[in-house]
Amino acid sequence: MAVFRPQKTNVCELNFDDTFTFTLPLHEETIRDIAKIAGEQVKKLKSLTAEDDTAFDEAYNSSLDAIDDILGEGAADKIMSLFEKPGILEAASVITYISEEYSEQYGKNLKGYKAEGKVPPATARRGRK
C-alpha cells in the first residue's frame, strides 16, 4: 500500500547577496500577507512628497517593519546592512524581491500539482447515476 508523506520542499528560500538566507513556507496565508504588505508599501511610497521629510522616515521605518513581519524580527536590519546607504528605495527593492520570488516559487510548486488525472466515466462510478 502506498503511503502519503507530506513534502518538506514546499518552501521559498530567499537569498540576500549570499550573506543572509531566509526560508518561508509556501502557504496561502503567507502569500496573502506578502501581497497585502507589499500593496500597503506601494501606497505609502506613492503618497510621498519631497516637502514632507517625516513621511520618508515613516515610510522607511514601516518598510523595515514590513520586512520583519514577513521574514522575522531583525531580518530588516540584517538585510539593510548590505547597502552602503540604506533608504526607502532599497527597502522597497527588498520588499519587491520578496514578493516576486515568493510568488514565482509558489506558482512553480502549484503548477507541479496540476497533473492530469484519469477519471473513470460517470457510469463506472459506484453509487452515482
N, C-alpha and C. Protein backbone atom coordinates (compact mmCIF):
# COMPACT_ATOMS: atom_id res chain seq x y z
N MET A 1 0.84 -1.17 0.00
CA MET A 1 0.00 0.00 0.00
C MET A 1 0.90 1.24 0.00
N ALA A 2 0.54 2.21 -0.80
CA ALA A 2 1.30 3.46 -0.87
C ALA A 2 1.02 4.28 0.38
N VAL A 3 2.04 5.01 0.80
CA VAL A 3 1.92 5.86 1.99
C VAL A 3 2.16 7.31 1.57
N PHE A 4 1.24 8.18 1.97
CA PHE A 4 1.40 9.60 1.69
C PHE A 4 2.29 10.22 2.77
N ARG A 5 3.31 10.94 2.34
CA ARG A 5 4.17 11.65 3.26
C ARG A 5 4.21 13.12 2.83
N PRO A 6 3.88 14.03 3.74
CA PRO A 6 3.91 15.45 3.39
C PRO A 6 5.31 15.86 2.92
N GLN A 7 5.32 16.69 1.88
CA GLN A 7 6.60 17.16 1.35
C GLN A 7 7.16 18.26 2.23
N LYS A 8 8.46 18.23 2.37
CA LYS A 8 9.14 19.27 3.15
C LYS A 8 9.77 20.30 2.22
N THR A 9 9.52 20.17 0.91
CA THR A 9 10.14 21.06 -0.06
C THR A 9 9.26 22.25 -0.43
N ASN A 10 8.11 22.36 0.19
CA ASN A 10 7.21 23.46 -0.13
C ASN A 10 7.62 24.72 0.63
N VAL A 11 8.81 25.21 0.27
CA VAL A 11 9.34 26.42 0.90
C VAL A 11 9.93 27.33 -0.17
N CYS A 12 10.06 28.59 0.18
CA CYS A 12 10.73 29.56 -0.67
C CYS A 12 11.96 30.03 0.08
N GLU A 13 13.10 29.86 -0.55
CA GLU A 13 14.35 30.31 0.06
C GLU A 13 14.74 31.65 -0.56
N LEU A 14 14.92 32.64 0.28
CA LEU A 14 15.28 33.98 -0.17
C LEU A 14 16.74 34.24 0.20
N ASN A 15 17.55 34.50 -0.81
CA ASN A 15 18.99 34.68 -0.62
C ASN A 15 19.34 36.15 -0.85
N PHE A 16 19.93 36.75 0.15
CA PHE A 16 20.33 38.15 0.07
C PHE A 16 21.85 38.24 -0.01
N ASP A 17 22.35 38.41 -1.24
CA ASP A 17 23.77 38.62 -1.52
C ASP A 17 24.65 37.50 -0.97
N ASP A 18 24.14 36.30 -0.93
CA ASP A 18 24.86 35.14 -0.38
C ASP A 18 25.35 35.39 1.05
N THR A 19 24.73 36.32 1.73
CA THR A 19 25.10 36.65 3.11
C THR A 19 24.04 36.20 4.09
N PHE A 20 22.79 36.45 3.74
CA PHE A 20 21.66 36.07 4.59
C PHE A 20 20.66 35.28 3.77
N THR A 21 20.15 34.21 4.36
CA THR A 21 19.13 33.40 3.70
C THR A 21 17.96 33.24 4.66
N PHE A 22 16.78 33.40 4.12
CA PHE A 22 15.55 33.23 4.91
C PHE A 22 14.67 32.23 4.17
N THR A 23 14.01 31.38 4.93
CA THR A 23 13.14 30.37 4.35
C THR A 23 11.71 30.60 4.82
N LEU A 24 10.81 30.67 3.86
CA LEU A 24 9.39 30.84 4.16
C LEU A 24 8.61 29.64 3.65
N PRO A 25 7.65 29.16 4.43
CA PRO A 25 6.81 28.07 3.92
C PRO A 25 5.90 28.60 2.83
N LEU A 26 5.68 27.79 1.81
CA LEU A 26 4.74 28.16 0.75
C LEU A 26 3.34 27.83 1.25
N HIS A 27 2.62 28.89 1.54
CA HIS A 27 1.31 28.72 2.14
C HIS A 27 0.41 29.87 1.71
N GLU A 28 -0.88 29.60 1.58
CA GLU A 28 -1.83 30.61 1.13
C GLU A 28 -1.84 31.83 2.04
N GLU A 29 -1.79 31.61 3.33
CA GLU A 29 -1.81 32.72 4.28
C GLU A 29 -0.58 33.62 4.09
N THR A 30 0.57 33.01 3.86
CA THR A 30 1.80 33.78 3.68
C THR A 30 1.75 34.60 2.40
N ILE A 31 1.28 34.01 1.31
CA ILE A 31 1.25 34.76 0.05
C ILE A 31 0.25 35.92 0.15
N ARG A 32 -0.86 35.72 0.86
CA ARG A 32 -1.81 36.82 1.06
C ARG A 32 -1.19 37.93 1.91
N ASP A 33 -0.47 37.54 2.97
CA ASP A 33 0.18 38.53 3.83
C ASP A 33 1.22 39.34 3.06
N ILE A 34 2.02 38.66 2.24
CA ILE A 34 3.04 39.35 1.46
C ILE A 34 2.38 40.32 0.48
N ALA A 35 1.33 39.88 -0.20
CA ALA A 35 0.64 40.74 -1.16
C ALA A 35 0.04 41.97 -0.45
N LYS A 36 -0.53 41.76 0.70
CA LYS A 36 -1.13 42.86 1.46
C LYS A 36 -0.05 43.85 1.89
N ILE A 37 1.03 43.35 2.46
CA ILE A 37 2.11 44.21 2.94
C ILE A 37 2.75 44.98 1.78
N ALA A 38 3.01 44.29 0.69
CA ALA A 38 3.62 44.94 -0.48
C ALA A 38 2.67 46.01 -1.03
N GLY A 39 1.39 45.73 -1.09
CA GLY A 39 0.42 46.70 -1.58
C GLY A 39 0.36 47.94 -0.70
N GLU A 40 0.39 47.73 0.61
CA GLU A 40 0.38 48.86 1.54
C GLU A 40 1.63 49.73 1.37
N GLN A 41 2.77 49.09 1.15
CA GLN A 41 4.01 49.84 0.98
C GLN A 41 4.00 50.65 -0.31
N VAL A 42 3.44 50.09 -1.36
CA VAL A 42 3.34 50.82 -2.63
C VAL A 42 2.49 52.08 -2.45
N LYS A 43 1.37 51.96 -1.74
CA LYS A 43 0.52 53.11 -1.48
C LYS A 43 1.28 54.20 -0.72
N LYS A 44 2.05 53.79 0.28
CA LYS A 44 2.81 54.76 1.07
C LYS A 44 3.87 55.45 0.21
N LEU A 45 4.53 54.68 -0.64
CA LEU A 45 5.56 55.27 -1.50
C LEU A 45 4.96 56.26 -2.48
N LYS A 46 3.79 55.95 -3.02
CA LYS A 46 3.15 56.84 -3.98
C LYS A 46 2.69 58.15 -3.34
N SER A 47 2.47 58.13 -2.05
CA SER A 47 1.97 59.32 -1.37
C SER A 47 3.10 60.24 -0.87
N LEU A 48 4.34 59.83 -1.03
CA LEU A 48 5.47 60.64 -0.56
C LEU A 48 5.63 61.90 -1.40
N THR A 49 5.94 63.00 -0.70
CA THR A 49 6.27 64.24 -1.39
C THR A 49 7.58 64.78 -0.82
N ALA A 50 8.33 65.47 -1.63
CA ALA A 50 9.64 65.99 -1.22
C ALA A 50 9.52 67.00 -0.08
N GLU A 51 8.37 67.61 0.07
CA GLU A 51 8.17 68.63 1.11
C GLU A 51 8.01 68.04 2.51
N ASP A 52 7.72 66.78 2.61
CA ASP A 52 7.43 66.16 3.90
C ASP A 52 8.54 65.20 4.30
N ASP A 53 9.53 65.73 5.02
CA ASP A 53 10.67 64.91 5.44
C ASP A 53 10.27 63.75 6.35
N THR A 54 9.32 63.98 7.24
CA THR A 54 8.94 62.93 8.17
C THR A 54 8.26 61.76 7.46
N ALA A 55 7.61 62.04 6.34
CA ALA A 55 6.94 60.97 5.60
C ALA A 55 7.95 59.95 5.08
N PHE A 56 9.14 60.41 4.67
CA PHE A 56 10.18 59.49 4.19
C PHE A 56 10.64 58.58 5.33
N ASP A 57 10.87 59.18 6.49
CA ASP A 57 11.30 58.38 7.65
C ASP A 57 10.23 57.37 8.04
N GLU A 58 8.99 57.83 8.05
CA GLU A 58 7.89 56.93 8.40
C GLU A 58 7.76 55.79 7.38
N ALA A 59 7.88 56.13 6.10
CA ALA A 59 7.77 55.10 5.05
C ALA A 59 8.93 54.11 5.16
N TYR A 60 10.12 54.61 5.42
CA TYR A 60 11.28 53.73 5.56
C TYR A 60 11.09 52.80 6.76
N ASN A 61 10.71 53.36 7.89
CA ASN A 61 10.52 52.55 9.09
C ASN A 61 9.39 51.54 8.92
N SER A 62 8.33 51.94 8.25
CA SER A 62 7.24 50.99 8.03
C SER A 62 7.67 49.89 7.05
N SER A 63 8.56 50.23 6.12
CA SER A 63 9.10 49.21 5.20
C SER A 63 9.94 48.19 5.98
N LEU A 64 10.74 48.69 6.91
CA LEU A 64 11.53 47.78 7.74
C LEU A 64 10.63 46.90 8.59
N ASP A 65 9.56 47.48 9.13
CA ASP A 65 8.59 46.69 9.90
C ASP A 65 7.94 45.63 9.02
N ALA A 66 7.64 46.00 7.77
CA ALA A 66 7.02 45.05 6.84
C ALA A 66 7.96 43.88 6.56
N ILE A 67 9.24 44.18 6.35
CA ILE A 67 10.23 43.11 6.11
C ILE A 67 10.30 42.20 7.32
N ASP A 68 10.34 42.78 8.51
CA ASP A 68 10.37 41.97 9.73
C ASP A 68 9.09 41.15 9.89
N ASP A 69 7.95 41.72 9.51
CA ASP A 69 6.68 40.97 9.59
C ASP A 69 6.72 39.73 8.71
N ILE A 70 7.36 39.86 7.57
CA ILE A 70 7.40 38.74 6.63
C ILE A 70 8.49 37.73 7.01
N LEU A 71 9.69 38.22 7.29
CA LEU A 71 10.84 37.33 7.47
C LEU A 71 11.22 37.05 8.92
N GLY A 72 10.69 37.83 9.83
CA GLY A 72 11.01 37.64 11.24
C GLY A 72 11.77 38.83 11.80
N GLU A 73 11.64 39.02 13.09
CA GLU A 73 12.24 40.15 13.79
C GLU A 73 13.76 40.20 13.56
N GLY A 74 14.24 41.37 13.20
CA GLY A 74 15.67 41.57 12.98
C GLY A 74 16.13 41.35 11.56
N ALA A 75 15.27 40.78 10.72
CA ALA A 75 15.65 40.49 9.33
C ALA A 75 15.96 41.77 8.56
N ALA A 76 15.15 42.80 8.76
CA ALA A 76 15.34 44.05 8.02
C ALA A 76 16.70 44.68 8.33
N ASP A 77 17.08 44.71 9.59
CA ASP A 77 18.38 45.28 9.96
C ASP A 77 19.53 44.52 9.29
N LYS A 78 19.43 43.21 9.28
CA LYS A 78 20.47 42.40 8.62
C LYS A 78 20.55 42.74 7.14
N ILE A 79 19.41 42.73 6.48
CA ILE A 79 19.38 42.95 5.03
C ILE A 79 19.83 44.37 4.70
N MET A 80 19.36 45.35 5.44
CA MET A 80 19.73 46.75 5.16
C MET A 80 21.22 46.99 5.39
N SER A 81 21.85 46.15 6.20
CA SER A 81 23.30 46.30 6.42
C SER A 81 24.10 45.99 5.16
N LEU A 82 23.47 45.36 4.19
CA LEU A 82 24.14 45.04 2.93
C LEU A 82 24.30 46.28 2.04
N PHE A 83 23.50 47.31 2.29
CA PHE A 83 23.53 48.52 1.47
C PHE A 83 24.49 49.54 2.06
N GLU A 84 25.16 50.27 1.17
CA GLU A 84 26.06 51.33 1.63
C GLU A 84 25.29 52.43 2.33
N LYS A 85 24.20 52.88 1.72
CA LYS A 85 23.33 53.91 2.30
C LYS A 85 21.88 53.44 2.17
N PRO A 86 21.40 52.68 3.14
CA PRO A 86 20.03 52.18 3.03
C PRO A 86 19.01 53.30 3.16
N GLY A 87 18.00 53.22 2.34
CA GLY A 87 16.92 54.19 2.36
C GLY A 87 15.64 53.56 1.86
N ILE A 88 14.67 54.41 1.59
CA ILE A 88 13.35 53.92 1.19
C ILE A 88 13.40 53.12 -0.11
N LEU A 89 14.21 53.53 -1.06
CA LEU A 89 14.29 52.79 -2.33
C LEU A 89 14.89 51.41 -2.13
N GLU A 90 15.88 51.30 -1.29
CA GLU A 90 16.48 49.99 -1.02
C GLU A 90 15.50 49.08 -0.29
N ALA A 91 14.79 49.65 0.68
CA ALA A 91 13.79 48.86 1.41
C ALA A 91 12.69 48.40 0.46
N ALA A 92 12.27 49.28 -0.44
CA ALA A 92 11.24 48.91 -1.41
C ALA A 92 11.74 47.81 -2.34
N SER A 93 13.02 47.87 -2.71
CA SER A 93 13.57 46.83 -3.59
C SER A 93 13.59 45.48 -2.89
N VAL A 94 13.82 45.48 -1.59
CA VAL A 94 13.81 44.24 -0.81
C VAL A 94 12.40 43.66 -0.77
N ILE A 95 11.41 44.50 -0.51
CA ILE A 95 10.03 44.03 -0.46
C ILE A 95 9.60 43.50 -1.83
N THR A 96 10.02 44.18 -2.88
CA THR A 96 9.71 43.72 -4.24
C THR A 96 10.35 42.36 -4.50
N TYR A 97 11.62 42.20 -4.11
CA TYR A 97 12.32 40.92 -4.29
C TYR A 97 11.57 39.80 -3.56
N ILE A 98 11.21 40.04 -2.31
CA ILE A 98 10.50 39.03 -1.52
C ILE A 98 9.19 38.65 -2.21
N SER A 99 8.43 39.65 -2.60
CA SER A 99 7.13 39.42 -3.23
C SER A 99 7.26 38.64 -4.53
N GLU A 100 8.18 39.05 -5.39
CA GLU A 100 8.34 38.39 -6.69
C GLU A 100 8.87 36.97 -6.55
N GLU A 101 9.88 36.78 -5.71
CA GLU A 101 10.46 35.44 -5.54
C GLU A 101 9.45 34.48 -4.93
N TYR A 102 8.74 34.95 -3.92
CA TYR A 102 7.76 34.10 -3.26
C TYR A 102 6.65 33.71 -4.23
N SER A 103 6.13 34.70 -4.95
CA SER A 103 5.05 34.43 -5.91
C SER A 103 5.50 33.46 -6.99
N GLU A 104 6.72 33.64 -7.48
CA GLU A 104 7.24 32.74 -8.51
C GLU A 104 7.37 31.32 -8.00
N GLN A 105 7.94 31.15 -6.82
CA GLN A 105 8.12 29.81 -6.26
C GLN A 105 6.78 29.17 -5.95
N TYR A 106 5.85 29.94 -5.44
CA TYR A 106 4.51 29.43 -5.14
C TYR A 106 3.86 28.93 -6.42
N GLY A 107 3.95 29.73 -7.48
CA GLY A 107 3.38 29.36 -8.77
C GLY A 107 4.01 28.10 -9.34
N LYS A 108 5.33 27.99 -9.23
CA LYS A 108 6.02 26.79 -9.73
C LYS A 108 5.56 25.55 -8.99
N ASN A 109 5.47 25.65 -7.68
CA ASN A 109 5.04 24.48 -6.91
C ASN A 109 3.59 24.12 -7.21
N LEU A 110 2.75 25.14 -7.37
CA LEU A 110 1.35 24.88 -7.67
C LEU A 110 1.20 24.21 -9.03
N LYS A 111 1.99 24.64 -10.01
CA LYS A 111 1.96 24.01 -11.34
C LYS A 111 2.31 22.53 -11.26
N GLY A 112 3.21 22.18 -10.36
CA GLY A 112 3.63 20.80 -10.21
C GLY A 112 2.50 19.87 -9.80
N TYR A 113 1.43 20.43 -9.23
CA TYR A 113 0.31 19.61 -8.79
C TYR A 113 -0.81 19.56 -9.80
N LYS A 114 -0.64 20.20 -10.93
CA LYS A 114 -1.69 20.20 -11.94
C LYS A 114 -1.52 19.04 -12.91
N ALA A 115 -1.27 17.90 -12.37
CA ALA A 115 -1.13 16.70 -13.20
C ALA A 115 -2.50 16.28 -13.72
N GLU A 116 -2.50 15.73 -14.90
CA GLU A 116 -3.75 15.26 -15.46
C GLU A 116 -4.08 13.90 -14.89
N GLY A 117 -5.20 13.83 -14.22
CA GLY A 117 -5.64 12.57 -13.64
C GLY A 117 -6.66 11.91 -14.54
N LYS A 118 -6.71 10.63 -14.50
CA LYS A 118 -7.68 9.89 -15.28
C LYS A 118 -8.88 9.60 -14.39
N VAL A 119 -10.00 10.12 -14.79
CA VAL A 119 -11.24 9.91 -14.04
C VAL A 119 -12.09 8.92 -14.81
N PRO A 120 -12.60 7.89 -14.13
CA PRO A 120 -13.44 6.92 -14.83
C PRO A 120 -14.72 7.58 -15.30
N PRO A 121 -15.31 7.06 -16.36
CA PRO A 121 -16.57 7.62 -16.84
C PRO A 121 -17.62 7.59 -15.76
N ALA A 122 -18.56 8.48 -15.83
CA ALA A 122 -19.59 8.62 -14.80
C ALA A 122 -20.35 7.31 -14.56
N THR A 123 -20.54 6.52 -15.60
CA THR A 123 -21.29 5.30 -15.45
C THR A 123 -20.51 4.24 -14.67
N ALA A 124 -19.20 4.38 -14.61
CA ALA A 124 -18.39 3.39 -13.89
C ALA A 124 -18.24 3.74 -12.41
N ARG A 125 -18.71 4.89 -12.00
CA ARG A 125 -18.55 5.30 -10.60
C ARG A 125 -19.63 4.62 -9.75
N ARG A 126 -19.21 4.14 -8.62
CA ARG A 126 -20.16 3.46 -7.73
C ARG A 126 -21.10 4.48 -7.08
N GLY A 127 -22.34 4.13 -7.01
CA GLY A 127 -23.33 4.94 -6.31
C GLY A 127 -23.70 6.21 -7.02
N ARG A 128 -23.23 6.41 -8.23
CA ARG A 128 -23.57 7.64 -8.96
C ARG A 128 -24.50 7.29 -10.12
N LYS A 129 -25.38 8.19 -10.43
CA LYS A 129 -26.30 7.96 -11.54
C LYS A 129 -26.12 9.01 -12.58
